[in-house]
C-alpha atoms as a PDB file:
ATOM      1  CA  LEU A   1     101.585  97.362 114.754  1.00  0.00           C
ATOM      2  CA  PHE A   2      98.373  99.022 115.924  1.00  0.00           C
ATOM      3  CA  ASN A   3      98.994  97.881 119.491  1.00  0.00           C
ATOM      4  CA  LEU A   4     102.556  99.219 119.439  1.00  0.00           C
ATOM      5  CA  ARG A   5     101.401 102.581 118.093  1.00  0.00           C
ATOM      6  CA  PHE A   6      98.697 102.743 120.737  1.00  0.00           C
ATOM      7  CA  GLN A   7     101.244 101.997 123.467  1.00  0.00           C
ATOM      8  CA  ALA A   8     103.558 104.686 122.086  1.00  0.00           C
ATOM      9  CA  ALA A   9     100.753 107.243 122.147  1.00  0.00           C
ATOM     10  CA  THR A  10      99.861 106.445 125.747  1.00  0.00           C
ATOM     11  CA  GLY A  11     103.485 106.330 126.911  1.00  0.00           C
ATOM     12  CA  GLN A  12     103.463 102.623 127.733  1.00  0.00           C
ATOM     13  CA  LEU A  13     105.839 101.505 124.979  1.00  0.00           C
ATOM     14  CA  GLU A  14     109.068 100.081 126.401  1.00  0.00           C
ATOM     15  CA  SER A  15     111.086  99.679 123.200  1.00  0.00           C
ATOM     16  CA  HIS A  16     110.684 102.273 120.453  1.00  0.00           C
ATOM     17  CA  GLY A  17     113.024 100.289 118.196  1.00  0.00           C
ATOM     18  CA  ARG A  18     110.426  97.536 118.072  1.00  0.00           C
ATOM     19  CA  LEU A  19     108.045  99.881 116.243  1.00  0.00           C
ATOM     20  CA  GLY A  20     110.444 100.295 113.318  1.00  0.00           C
ATOM     21  CA  ALA A  21     111.313  96.603 113.283  1.00  0.00           C
ATOM     22  CA  VAL A  22     107.666  95.597 113.013  1.00  0.00           C
ATOM     23  CA  ARG A  23     107.076  98.083 110.172  1.00  0.00           C
ATOM     24  CA  LYS A  24     110.042  96.672 108.243  1.00  0.00           C
ATOM     25  CA  GLU A  25     108.871  93.116 108.848  1.00  0.00           C
ATOM     26  CA  ILE A  26     105.400  93.930 107.504  1.00  0.00           C
ATOM     27  CA  ALA A  27     106.922  95.604 104.432  1.00  0.00           C
ATOM     28  CA  ARG A  28     109.099  92.532 103.843  1.00  0.00           C
ATOM     29  CA  ILE A  29     106.048  90.258 103.992  1.00  0.00           C
ATOM     30  CA  TYR A  30     104.135  92.441 101.520  1.00  0.00           C
ATOM     31  CA  THR A  31     107.151  92.406  99.184  1.00  0.00           C
ATOM     32  CA  VAL A  32     107.303  88.600  99.197  1.00  0.00           C
ATOM     33  CA  ILE A  33     103.561  88.346  98.564  1.00  0.00           C
ATOM     34  CA  ARG A  34     103.815  90.749  95.621  1.00  0.00           C
ATOM     35  CA  GLU A  35     106.817  88.899  94.160  1.00  0.00           C
ATOM     36  CA  ARG A  36     104.876  85.647  94.279  1.00  0.00           C
ATOM     37  CA  GLU A  37     101.934  87.293  92.505  1.00  0.00           C
ATOM     38  CA  LEU A  38     104.253  88.468  89.743  1.00  0.00           C
ATOM     39  CA  GLY A  39     106.199  85.206  89.613  1.00  0.00           C
ATOM     40  CA  ILE A  40     109.487  86.940  90.448  1.00  0.00           C
ATOM     41  CA  GLY A  41     110.380  85.209  93.711  1.00  0.00           C
ATOM     42  CA  GLY A  42     113.533  83.097  93.522  1.00  0.00           C
ATOM     43  CA  ALA A  43     112.956  80.302  96.033  1.00  0.00           C
ATOM     44  CA  ALA A  44     109.252  80.804  96.619  1.00  0.00           C
END
């Protein structure tokens, strides 16, 4: 994510949609980790 943001700031980023996709993917990973900590996850 840092690299994508750096590329966006310097104008080298080719796909701006990738930035949002990576953020959502990271949020999804954090959600799964938190569910496992709480014992909520269905098929963990």
